[in-house]
Amino acid sequence: MVEAQVASRRRRSRRGDGRSAEPGQNAYLKTPFITRKIPTYDILSEDSLAQIEATADRILAEIGIEFREDPEVVALFRAAGARVTDLAADSWNLKFEPGMIRQILSTAPQRFTQVARNPANNVEIGGDAMVFAPSYGSPFVMDLDRGRRYGTIADFENFVKLAQMSPNLHHSGGTICEPTDVAVNKRHLDMVYAHMRYSDRAFLGSITAPERAEDSIEMCRILFGAEFVDQNCVIMGNFNTTSPLVLDGVTTRGIRAYAAAGQGSIHLPFLLGGAVSPLTIAGSVAQCLAESMVSCAITQLVRPGAPAVLGSFISSMSLRTGSPTFGTPEPALGSLAMGQLARRLKLPLRCAGNFSTSKLPDGQAMQQSMMSMMSAVQCGANFILHSAGFLDGLLSMSYEKFILDADLCGALHAYLRGFEVTEDTLGFDALAEGGPGQHLFATQHTLRHYQTAYWDSALDDHQPWETWDEQGGVDAATRANHRWKAQLAQYEPPAMDPGTDEALQEFITKTKIAVPDAWY
């Protein structure tokens, strides 16, 4: 019934100017990335920020960071002045004098461009720019029809297509879900190809092994041209430290691969308070700053000027069960603090997103998501991964939650736009035209502004109860279920040069044939 009503409205509302009377027509808000017009919220005083920075310096100087299985990165830091202590044949403790890491980071760009294969979709990362990207890393997917199941490459492609179609997202993301029907050592090729073929937006590459990072970059050389890739950021890797205070060789060698190619990288600890970081938020923020700075610094030792993004993924924990909790207020406060610290370092920031531990796209999911996402918006984060689809504590990527989150991202476009105070927007003429006691529906002011005054949701139901009830009492999750199916049915892939497509597929085939499948 719902699909029939939607189709009927679509037929009735076609217009010659490309717009329709359907909900969600916010063409004036569509941008390749958001330029924030509202100020950030500074939660901490200068003294408090200085205390956190001093504690991060103390962590690095007195406790240090343990590096494993990458003697080359240790040699780079040793040459830069780090104090190195051998722990074993393949592990080292490195300590850094206060100010050393900040000095290394001084060559990192405060803002940079990630180029998309469609130049109209290039994104700016840093400064007052903000980029929304889908969720990342879930082994499971779910929808209202088939429930929770392991992700497949078909699911992965579906989410790339949905992201491409959303005017409220700006980036194709990375490992939107794990395609578990493809061998572990080969699935990165299919994932990167899916981003390249089914989207013309910027995307993230593989980071799970150094050779997979190299494959991702090589595929970009095929897509963009080797010389262009050497001079422009066209791909980024999303790297996690191993908290507390460890950087393993798989991570550091991957970071070095992206940096050596002049490509971007995001650096964040996954801090679970009370487990791998101090239970208190101030302590988690200090540790986060220390770990992320050192990880970012690797890029500048390899190639000064390589794009690097400071990262923050602070999570609370249920002290009854030991499980991570997402969308809670304390980590949201941590995001606000990380925003201030990133601005002091003059580095772009990635943090927060539409986080939730709910198992369904329900009220809990959206309440927790809003708490988390608003902290990213208010803190001034520049790259917000997990903007759409995050459910089940990141274990599941939800089709319905993706649609609900993307709609929320549209509302945030309007929120971040702020509003202007001018003679026109003050609306004196709207009141004067009819005078006291007269409605304003037909005034010239209303007619000038009715298409852009308010954001229009593609999903919310604003009908009277009686109308809603007569039409079947459809809830938000069900509306989202119908919408993602309709979106996929309408999807059309962006054009790609056939020769480039053929070259990419040849590279993938050759690379896959060279090694046997590995499933772990």
Protein backbone atom coordinates (compact mmCIF):
# COMPACT_ATOMS: atom_id res chain seq x y z
CA MET A 1 0.00 0.00 0.00
CA VAL A 2 2.76 2.43 0.93
CA GLU A 3 4.67 1.76 -2.33
CA ALA A 4 1.51 2.41 -4.36
CA GLN A 5 0.88 5.71 -2.58
CA VAL A 6 4.48 6.80 -3.15
CA ALA A 7 4.29 5.90 -6.86
CA SER A 8 0.99 7.77 -7.20
CA ARG A 9 2.42 10.91 -5.59
CA ARG A 10 5.49 10.65 -7.87
CA ARG A 11 3.31 10.54 -10.98
CA ARG A 12 1.21 13.49 -9.83
CA SER A 13 4.14 15.65 -8.80
CA ARG A 14 6.55 15.51 -11.75
CA ARG A 15 7.71 18.98 -12.74
CA GLY A 16 9.68 20.34 -15.62
CA ASP A 17 12.34 21.93 -13.37
CA GLY A 18 13.55 18.60 -11.93
CA ARG A 19 11.91 19.16 -8.54
CA SER A 20 8.79 17.46 -7.24
CA ALA A 21 6.23 17.92 -4.51
CA GLU A 22 7.54 14.83 -2.71
CA PRO A 23 9.02 15.25 0.77
CA GLY A 24 12.74 15.83 1.09
CA GLN A 25 13.23 18.34 -1.73
CA ASN A 26 16.04 20.44 -0.27
CA ALA A 27 18.05 21.34 -3.36
CA TYR A 28 19.26 24.56 -1.75
CA LEU A 29 21.07 22.52 0.93
CA LYS A 30 22.86 20.12 -1.41
CA THR A 31 26.62 20.70 -1.32
CA PRO A 32 29.74 18.56 -1.93
CA PHE A 33 30.63 19.26 1.71
CA ILE A 34 29.27 21.48 4.47
CA THR A 35 30.78 24.86 5.22
CA ARG A 36 29.73 25.50 8.79
CA LYS A 37 28.14 28.87 9.46
CA ILE A 38 27.64 28.39 13.20
CA PRO A 39 30.38 28.57 15.82
CA THR A 40 31.89 25.58 17.57
CA TYR A 41 31.16 25.01 21.23
CA ASP A 42 34.20 25.36 23.49
CA ILE A 43 33.58 23.38 26.65
CA LEU A 44 36.96 23.71 28.43
CA SER A 45 38.89 26.66 29.75
CA GLU A 46 42.42 27.47 28.69
CA ASP A 47 43.74 26.04 31.97
CA SER A 48 41.89 22.75 31.48
CA LEU A 49 43.14 22.38 27.92
CA ALA A 50 46.69 23.06 29.08
CA GLN A 51 46.34 20.37 31.77
CA ILE A 52 45.17 17.79 29.23
CA GLU A 53 48.01 18.67 26.86
CA ALA A 54 50.52 18.45 29.71
CA THR A 55 49.20 15.01 30.67
CA ALA A 56 49.45 13.83 27.05
CA ASP A 57 53.06 15.06 27.00
CA ARG A 58 53.71 13.28 30.26
CA ILE A 59 52.29 10.02 28.89
CA LEU A 60 54.61 10.26 25.90
CA ALA A 61 57.67 11.27 27.94
CA GLU A 62 57.32 8.99 30.97
CA ILE A 63 55.30 5.95 29.79
CA GLY A 64 55.88 6.04 26.07
CA ILE A 65 54.38 4.21 23.11
CA GLU A 66 55.19 0.60 22.28
CA PHE A 67 55.94 -0.10 18.61
CA ARG A 68 55.87 -3.62 17.21
CA GLU A 69 57.17 -5.33 14.07
CA ASP A 70 58.25 -2.21 12.15
CA PRO A 71 61.90 -1.32 12.69
CA GLU A 72 61.73 1.29 9.91
CA VAL A 73 59.22 3.46 11.75
CA VAL A 74 61.32 3.13 14.91
CA ALA A 75 64.38 4.30 12.95
CA LEU A 76 62.43 7.33 11.69
CA PHE A 77 61.45 8.35 15.22
CA ARG A 78 64.96 7.64 16.57
CA ALA A 79 66.41 9.98 13.94
CA ALA A 80 63.86 12.63 14.95
CA GLY A 81 64.99 12.45 18.61
CA ALA A 82 62.87 9.77 20.29
CA ARG A 83 64.39 7.73 23.13
CA VAL A 84 64.22 4.10 22.07
CA THR A 85 64.34 1.11 24.43
CA ASP A 86 64.50 -2.41 22.99
CA LEU A 87 61.84 -4.65 24.54
CA ALA A 88 62.27 -7.75 22.37
CA ALA A 89 63.49 -8.64 18.92
CA ASP A 90 60.49 -6.98 17.31
CA SER A 91 59.17 -4.50 19.87
CA TRP A 92 60.41 -1.18 21.18
CA ASN A 93 59.31 1.44 23.68
CA LEU A 94 59.62 5.00 22.40
CA LYS A 95 59.50 8.08 24.59
CA PHE A 96 59.20 11.65 23.33
CA GLU A 97 60.22 14.89 24.95
CA PRO A 98 57.41 17.43 25.42
CA GLY A 99 56.89 19.41 22.24
CA MET A 100 58.69 16.94 19.97
CA ILE A 101 55.56 15.43 18.40
CA ARG A 102 53.92 18.84 17.98
CA GLN A 103 57.01 20.04 16.14
CA ILE A 104 56.88 17.06 13.77
CA LEU A 105 53.17 17.74 13.15
CA SER A 106 53.83 21.36 12.19
CA THR A 107 54.21 20.33 8.52
CA ALA A 108 50.81 18.60 8.34
CA PRO A 109 48.16 20.57 6.42
CA GLN A 110 45.44 22.28 8.43
CA ARG A 111 43.02 21.72 5.54
CA PHE A 112 43.25 19.65 2.38
CA THR A 113 41.17 18.45 -0.57
CA GLN A 114 40.31 14.83 -1.24
CA VAL A 115 39.66 14.57 -4.95
CA ALA A 116 36.75 12.50 -6.24
CA ARG A 117 36.54 11.04 -9.74
CA ASN A 118 33.74 13.54 -10.31
CA PRO A 119 35.40 16.89 -9.51
CA ALA A 120 32.02 18.30 -8.47
CA ASN A 121 32.19 15.90 -5.51
CA ASN A 122 35.65 16.88 -4.23
CA VAL A 123 35.58 17.35 -0.47
CA GLU A 124 37.49 19.74 1.76
CA ILE A 125 38.68 18.33 5.09
CA GLY A 126 39.70 20.78 7.82
CA GLY A 127 38.92 24.34 8.88
CA ASP A 128 35.20 25.12 8.67
CA ALA A 129 34.50 22.21 6.30
CA MET A 130 32.52 19.17 7.42
CA VAL A 131 32.11 15.85 5.58
CA PHE A 132 29.54 13.14 6.36
CA ALA A 133 30.45 9.53 5.47
CA PRO A 134 28.62 6.21 6.04
CA SER A 135 29.35 3.83 8.89
CA TYR A 136 32.38 1.55 8.73
CA GLY A 137 33.48 -1.95 9.69
CA SER A 138 30.36 -3.96 10.61
CA PRO A 139 30.57 -7.74 10.03
CA PHE A 140 26.77 -8.05 10.03
CA VAL A 141 24.01 -6.31 8.11
CA MET A 142 20.33 -6.20 8.93
CA ASP A 143 16.99 -5.13 7.55
CA LEU A 144 13.37 -5.58 8.58
CA ASP A 145 12.76 -8.31 6.00
CA ARG A 146 15.69 -10.68 6.53
CA GLY A 147 16.92 -9.77 9.99
CA ARG A 148 20.58 -9.87 11.04
CA ARG A 149 23.05 -11.80 8.90
CA TYR A 150 26.66 -11.72 7.74
CA GLY A 151 27.38 -9.02 5.18
CA THR A 152 28.05 -9.88 1.54
CA ILE A 153 29.61 -8.05 -1.38
CA ALA A 154 26.06 -7.47 -2.68
CA ASP A 155 25.21 -5.69 0.59
CA PHE A 156 28.41 -3.68 0.33
CA GLU A 157 27.52 -2.55 -3.20
CA ASN A 158 23.99 -1.68 -2.08
CA PHE A 159 25.28 0.65 0.62
CA VAL A 160 27.70 2.32 -1.79
CA LYS A 161 24.76 2.94 -4.12
CA LEU A 162 22.57 4.30 -1.31
CA ALA A 163 25.36 6.66 -0.22
CA GLN A 164 25.84 7.81 -3.80
CA MET A 165 22.13 8.63 -4.07
CA SER A 166 21.90 10.55 -0.80
CA PRO A 167 22.17 14.34 -1.14
CA ASN A 168 22.87 14.49 2.60
CA LEU A 169 26.13 12.48 2.54
CA HIS A 170 29.36 13.65 0.93
CA HIS A 171 31.69 10.66 0.91
CA SER A 172 31.43 7.02 -0.11
CA GLY A 173 33.15 5.79 3.08
CA GLY A 174 35.28 2.68 3.35
CA THR A 175 34.45 -0.77 4.71
CA ILE A 176 30.74 -0.04 4.93
CA CYS A 177 30.24 -3.68 5.88
CA GLU A 178 32.46 -6.74 5.71
CA PRO A 179 31.72 -8.77 2.54
CA THR A 180 32.20 -12.13 4.23
CA ASP A 181 31.47 -14.10 1.05
CA VAL A 182 34.82 -12.93 -0.41
CA ALA A 183 38.18 -14.21 0.85
CA VAL A 184 39.70 -12.02 3.57
CA ASN A 185 42.90 -11.39 1.61
CA LYS A 186 41.02 -10.43 -1.57
CA ARG A 187 37.86 -8.64 -0.49
CA HIS A 188 39.63 -5.27 -0.33
CA LEU A 189 39.91 -5.34 -4.13
CA ASP A 190 36.16 -5.78 -4.56
CA MET A 191 35.39 -3.12 -1.96
CA VAL A 192 37.65 -0.48 -3.50
CA TYR A 193 36.31 -1.33 -6.96
CA ALA A 194 32.72 -0.96 -5.69
CA HIS A 195 33.49 2.57 -4.46
CA MET A 196 35.11 3.41 -7.79
CA ARG A 197 32.43 1.86 -10.01
CA TYR A 198 29.17 2.56 -8.18
CA SER A 199 30.03 6.00 -6.81
CA ASP A 200 31.83 9.07 -8.09
CA ARG A 201 32.54 10.43 -4.64
CA ALA A 202 35.71 10.30 -2.54
CA PHE A 203 36.34 7.07 -0.61
CA LEU A 204 38.58 5.25 1.88
CA GLY A 205 40.95 2.41 1.02
CA SER A 206 42.06 -0.78 2.73
CA ILE A 207 44.25 -0.75 5.86
CA THR A 208 44.11 -4.37 7.06
CA ALA A 209 47.55 -5.25 5.65
CA PRO A 210 50.31 -3.13 4.08
CA GLU A 211 50.00 -4.92 0.75
CA ARG A 212 46.26 -4.23 0.70
CA ALA A 213 46.97 -0.56 1.31
CA GLU A 214 49.38 -0.64 -1.65
CA ASP A 215 46.75 -2.36 -3.82
CA SER A 216 44.22 0.36 -2.94
CA ILE A 217 46.67 3.09 -3.96
CA GLU A 218 47.62 1.26 -7.15
CA MET A 219 43.96 1.02 -8.16
CA CYS A 220 43.76 4.79 -7.68
CA ARG A 221 46.71 5.21 -10.05
CA ILE A 222 44.72 3.29 -12.65
CA LEU A 223 41.60 5.40 -12.02
CA PHE A 224 43.19 8.85 -11.76
CA GLY A 225 46.64 8.44 -13.33
CA ALA A 226 49.91 7.89 -11.46
CA GLU A 227 51.19 11.46 -11.77
CA PHE A 228 47.89 12.91 -10.60
CA VAL A 229 47.84 10.61 -7.56
CA ASP A 230 51.36 11.65 -6.62
CA GLN A 231 50.29 15.30 -6.51
CA ASN A 232 46.77 14.97 -5.07
CA CYS A 233 45.00 13.20 -2.22
CA VAL A 234 42.52 10.81 -3.85
CA ILE A 235 42.21 8.14 -1.13
CA MET A 236 42.55 7.90 2.64
CA GLY A 237 43.15 5.11 5.14
CA ASN A 238 41.44 4.90 8.52
CA PHE A 239 43.98 3.61 11.09
CA ASN A 240 43.41 2.53 14.69
CA THR A 241 46.06 2.44 17.37
CA THR A 242 46.08 -0.62 19.64
CA SER A 243 45.16 0.93 22.94
CA PRO A 244 46.53 1.38 25.44
CA LEU A 245 49.67 2.96 23.96
CA VAL A 246 50.61 0.43 21.26
CA LEU A 247 51.15 0.78 17.52
CA ASP A 248 51.57 -2.53 15.70
CA GLY A 249 53.50 -3.08 12.51
CA VAL A 250 50.47 -3.74 10.31
CA THR A 251 49.16 -0.30 11.25
CA THR A 252 52.41 1.64 10.99
CA ARG A 253 53.42 0.06 7.69
CA GLY A 254 49.99 0.90 6.29
CA ILE A 255 50.32 4.48 7.49
CA ARG A 256 53.72 4.69 5.83
CA ALA A 257 52.30 3.34 2.55
CA TYR A 258 49.60 6.01 2.36
CA ALA A 259 51.94 8.80 3.43
CA ALA A 260 54.71 7.81 1.00
CA ALA A 261 52.16 8.05 -1.82
CA GLY A 262 51.04 11.49 -0.61
CA GLN A 263 47.63 10.15 0.39
CA GLY A 264 45.58 10.96 3.48
CA SER A 265 45.19 9.00 6.68
CA ILE A 266 42.99 9.15 9.76
CA HIS A 267 44.49 8.22 13.14
CA LEU A 268 42.36 7.26 16.09
CA PRO A 269 42.40 5.13 19.20
CA PHE A 270 39.27 3.12 20.05
CA LEU A 271 39.15 3.96 23.75
CA LEU A 272 36.84 1.95 25.97
CA GLY A 273 36.81 3.75 29.31
CA GLY A 274 37.87 1.52 32.19
CA ALA A 275 39.22 -1.18 29.85
CA VAL A 276 41.87 0.37 27.58
CA SER A 277 41.75 3.96 28.83
CA PRO A 278 41.06 5.72 32.12
CA LEU A 279 37.43 5.52 33.17
CA THR A 280 37.18 9.29 33.48
CA ILE A 281 36.68 11.38 30.35
CA ALA A 282 39.55 13.79 31.03
CA GLY A 283 41.94 10.84 31.20
CA SER A 284 40.56 9.29 28.03
CA VAL A 285 40.91 12.58 26.18
CA ALA A 286 44.55 12.96 27.28
CA GLN A 287 45.36 9.41 26.16
CA CYS A 288 43.48 9.90 22.90
CA LEU A 289 45.48 13.04 22.17
CA ALA A 290 48.79 11.31 22.91
CA GLU A 291 48.12 8.22 20.78
CA SER A 292 46.60 10.06 17.84
CA MET A 293 49.38 12.66 17.70
CA VAL A 294 52.11 10.01 17.56
CA SER A 295 50.24 8.09 14.86
CA CYS A 296 49.76 11.28 12.82
CA ALA A 297 53.43 12.14 13.24
CA ILE A 298 54.46 9.03 11.29
CA THR A 299 53.04 10.60 8.15
CA GLN A 300 55.20 13.69 8.48
CA LEU A 301 58.37 11.68 9.09
CA VAL A 302 57.67 9.76 5.87
CA ARG A 303 56.50 12.67 3.71
CA PRO A 304 56.18 16.15 5.22
CA GLY A 305 52.91 17.71 4.11
CA ALA A 306 51.06 14.40 3.71
CA PRO A 307 47.42 14.85 4.86
CA ALA A 308 46.73 13.54 8.36
CA VAL A 309 43.51 13.66 10.39
CA LEU A 310 43.50 13.59 14.18
CA GLY A 311 40.96 11.05 15.42
CA SER A 312 38.83 10.45 18.48
CA PHE A 313 36.69 7.39 19.25
CA ILE A 314 35.94 7.59 22.96
CA SER A 315 33.41 5.10 24.28
CA SER A 316 31.84 4.55 27.66
CA MET A 317 31.26 1.09 29.09
CA SER A 318 28.55 -0.71 31.00
CA LEU A 319 30.24 -1.42 34.30
CA ARG A 320 27.67 -4.16 34.97
CA THR A 321 28.52 -6.19 31.85
CA GLY A 322 31.79 -4.82 30.44
CA SER A 323 30.11 -4.06 27.11
CA PRO A 324 30.76 -0.84 25.19
CA THR A 325 27.98 1.71 25.33
CA PHE A 326 27.46 4.19 22.51
CA GLY A 327 25.54 7.43 22.27
CA THR A 328 26.05 8.28 25.94
CA PRO A 329 26.67 11.84 27.20
CA GLU A 330 30.18 11.52 28.63
CA PRO A 331 31.93 10.56 25.36
CA ALA A 332 29.96 13.36 23.70
CA LEU A 333 31.64 15.76 26.11
CA GLY A 334 34.96 14.18 25.17
CA SER A 335 34.28 15.00 21.52
CA LEU A 336 33.74 18.65 22.43
CA ALA A 337 37.13 18.70 24.16
CA MET A 338 38.85 16.97 21.24
CA GLY A 339 37.48 19.65 18.94
CA GLN A 340 39.24 22.34 20.94
CA LEU A 341 42.48 20.35 21.08
CA ALA A 342 42.47 19.69 17.33
CA ARG A 343 42.07 23.40 16.62
CA ARG A 344 45.02 24.16 18.90
CA LEU A 345 47.10 21.61 16.98
CA LYS A 346 45.82 23.00 13.66
CA LEU A 347 44.86 19.53 12.45
CA PRO A 348 41.60 18.29 10.90
CA LEU A 349 39.50 16.12 13.23
CA ARG A 350 37.48 12.95 12.84
CA CYS A 351 35.18 11.99 15.71
CA ALA A 352 31.77 10.66 16.80
CA GLY A 353 28.92 9.84 14.40
CA ASN A 354 25.43 8.36 14.61
CA PHE A 355 26.40 5.84 17.32
CA SER A 356 23.98 3.42 19.01
CA THR A 357 23.91 0.11 20.85
CA SER A 358 20.27 -0.47 19.96
CA LYS A 359 19.55 -3.71 18.10
CA LEU A 360 16.78 -2.16 16.02
CA PRO A 361 16.26 1.14 14.17
CA ASP A 362 14.06 2.39 17.00
CA GLY A 363 13.74 5.23 19.48
CA GLN A 364 16.83 4.16 21.42
CA ALA A 365 18.83 4.09 18.19
CA MET A 366 17.91 7.62 17.20
CA GLN A 367 18.16 9.09 20.71
CA GLN A 368 21.68 7.74 21.15
CA SER A 369 22.64 8.72 17.63
CA MET A 370 21.50 12.30 18.12
CA MET A 371 23.50 12.62 21.34
CA SER A 372 26.65 11.43 19.61
CA MET A 373 26.18 13.15 16.25
CA MET A 374 25.41 16.54 17.77
CA SER A 375 28.66 16.39 19.72
CA ALA A 376 30.55 15.94 16.45
CA VAL A 377 28.68 18.84 14.88
CA GLN A 378 29.15 21.11 17.89
CA CYS A 379 32.83 20.27 18.38
CA GLY A 380 33.73 21.20 14.81
CA ALA A 381 34.69 17.73 13.54
CA ASN A 382 35.73 17.84 9.90
CA PHE A 383 35.28 14.20 8.87
CA ILE A 384 32.41 12.32 10.46
CA LEU A 385 32.57 8.61 9.71
CA HIS A 386 29.64 6.49 10.95
CA SER A 387 27.17 9.16 9.82
CA ALA A 388 24.69 6.57 8.52
CA GLY A 389 23.83 2.96 9.33
CA PHE A 390 25.54 2.35 12.71
CA LEU A 391 23.59 -0.10 14.88
CA ASP A 392 24.23 -2.83 17.45
CA GLY A 393 27.38 -1.19 18.84
CA LEU A 394 28.95 -1.13 15.32
CA LEU A 395 28.46 -4.87 14.86
CA SER A 396 25.60 -4.38 12.40
CA MET A 397 25.00 -2.13 9.41
CA SER A 398 21.28 -1.48 9.11
CA TYR A 399 19.54 -0.57 5.86
CA GLU A 400 16.72 1.21 7.70
CA LYS A 401 19.06 3.00 10.11
CA PHE A 402 21.09 4.16 7.11
CA ILE A 403 18.04 5.88 5.68
CA LEU A 404 16.98 7.36 9.03
CA ASP A 405 20.50 8.66 9.68
CA ALA A 406 20.87 10.12 6.20
CA ASP A 407 17.64 12.06 6.76
CA LEU A 408 19.03 13.36 10.05
CA CYS A 409 22.18 14.43 8.20
CA GLY A 410 19.92 16.50 5.96
CA ALA A 411 18.54 18.28 9.01
CA LEU A 412 22.11 18.98 10.13
CA HIS A 413 22.85 20.60 6.77
CA ALA A 414 20.17 23.14 7.63
CA TYR A 415 21.32 23.49 11.26
CA LEU A 416 24.93 24.14 10.26
CA ARG A 417 23.83 26.70 7.69
CA GLY A 418 22.62 28.98 10.46
CA PHE A 419 20.41 31.89 9.48
CA GLU A 420 20.90 35.40 8.17
CA VAL A 421 19.56 38.58 9.71
CA THR A 422 18.72 41.02 6.91
CA GLU A 423 15.93 43.45 6.14
CA ASP A 424 14.31 40.72 4.06
CA THR A 425 14.64 37.87 6.59
CA LEU A 426 13.32 40.01 9.43
CA GLY A 427 10.00 39.83 7.60
CA PHE A 428 8.54 43.21 8.54
CA ASP A 429 6.83 43.39 5.16
CA ALA A 430 5.17 40.02 5.79
CA LEU A 431 3.39 41.44 8.82
CA ALA A 432 2.72 44.81 7.21
CA GLU A 433 1.16 43.40 4.03
CA GLY A 434 -2.02 42.17 5.70
CA GLY A 435 -1.84 43.84 9.07
CA PRO A 436 -3.07 42.53 12.44
CA GLY A 437 -5.27 39.47 12.44
CA GLN A 438 -4.46 38.38 8.87
CA HIS A 439 -2.73 35.11 7.97
CA LEU A 440 0.58 35.21 6.10
CA PHE A 441 0.16 32.25 3.72
CA ALA A 442 -0.19 34.36 0.58
CA THR A 443 2.12 37.25 1.39
CA GLN A 444 4.95 38.07 -1.00
CA HIS A 445 7.47 37.28 1.76
CA THR A 446 6.05 33.78 2.20
CA LEU A 447 6.03 33.17 -1.55
CA ARG A 448 9.68 34.25 -1.79
CA HIS A 449 10.87 31.99 1.01
CA TYR A 450 8.57 28.98 1.22
CA GLN A 451 10.94 26.64 -0.63
CA THR A 452 13.99 27.43 1.49
CA ALA A 453 12.74 28.61 4.88
CA TYR A 454 12.52 25.16 6.46
CA TRP A 455 14.28 21.86 5.92
CA ASP A 456 11.87 19.23 4.61
CA SER A 457 12.31 15.66 5.84
CA ALA A 458 12.06 12.82 3.33
CA LEU A 459 10.78 10.45 6.03
CA ASP A 460 8.97 12.22 8.86
CA ASP A 461 5.18 11.88 9.05
CA HIS A 462 3.42 15.16 9.85
CA GLN A 463 -0.13 14.09 9.00
CA PRO A 464 -3.00 14.19 11.49
CA TRP A 465 -3.47 11.00 13.50
CA GLU A 466 -6.64 10.07 11.62
CA THR A 467 -4.96 10.26 8.19
CA TRP A 468 -1.91 8.37 9.42
CA ASP A 469 -4.12 5.68 10.97
CA GLU A 470 -6.24 5.32 7.83
CA GLN A 471 -3.11 4.82 5.74
CA GLY A 472 -1.98 1.89 7.86
CA GLY A 473 -0.21 3.51 10.82
CA VAL A 474 3.23 3.10 9.24
CA ASP A 475 6.15 3.79 11.59
CA ALA A 476 9.48 5.43 10.74
CA ALA A 477 11.46 2.19 10.43
CA THR A 478 8.91 0.78 7.97
CA ARG A 479 8.98 4.00 5.95
CA ALA A 480 12.77 3.71 5.84
CA ASN A 481 12.44 0.08 4.72
CA HIS A 482 10.29 1.10 1.77
CA ARG A 483 12.58 4.00 0.93
CA TRP A 484 15.86 2.07 0.67
CA LYS A 485 14.22 -0.43 -1.64
CA ALA A 486 12.81 2.35 -3.81
CA GLN A 487 16.19 4.06 -3.89
CA LEU A 488 18.01 0.93 -5.06
CA ALA A 489 15.34 0.33 -7.71
CA GLN A 490 16.01 3.83 -9.10
CA TYR A 491 19.81 3.68 -8.87
CA GLU A 492 21.87 4.36 -11.98
CA PRO A 493 25.67 4.05 -11.85
CA PRO A 494 27.77 7.10 -12.71
CA ALA A 495 29.53 6.82 -16.05
CA MET A 496 33.05 5.38 -16.15
CA ASP A 497 35.45 5.20 -19.06
CA PRO A 498 35.26 1.59 -20.36
CA GLY A 499 39.03 1.39 -20.74
CA THR A 500 39.56 2.44 -17.14
CA ASP A 501 36.98 -0.06 -15.95
CA GLU A 502 38.66 -2.82 -17.94
CA ALA A 503 42.09 -1.92 -16.53
CA LEU A 504 40.75 -2.01 -12.98
CA GLN A 505 39.15 -5.40 -13.49
CA GLU A 506 42.35 -6.76 -15.05
CA PHE A 507 44.34 -5.57 -12.03
CA ILE A 508 41.85 -7.21 -9.66
CA THR A 509 41.89 -10.49 -11.55
CA LYS A 510 45.68 -10.58 -11.76
CA THR A 511 46.07 -9.77 -8.07
CA LYS A 512 43.55 -12.40 -6.99
CA ILE A 513 45.11 -15.13 -9.10
CA ALA A 514 48.55 -14.47 -7.65
CA VAL A 515 47.67 -15.77 -4.16
CA PRO A 516 45.39 -18.50 -2.78
CA ASP A 517 42.26 -17.57 -0.86
CA ALA A 518 42.66 -16.94 2.86
CA TRP A 519 39.59 -16.90 5.10
CA TYR A 520 41.18 -15.61 8.30
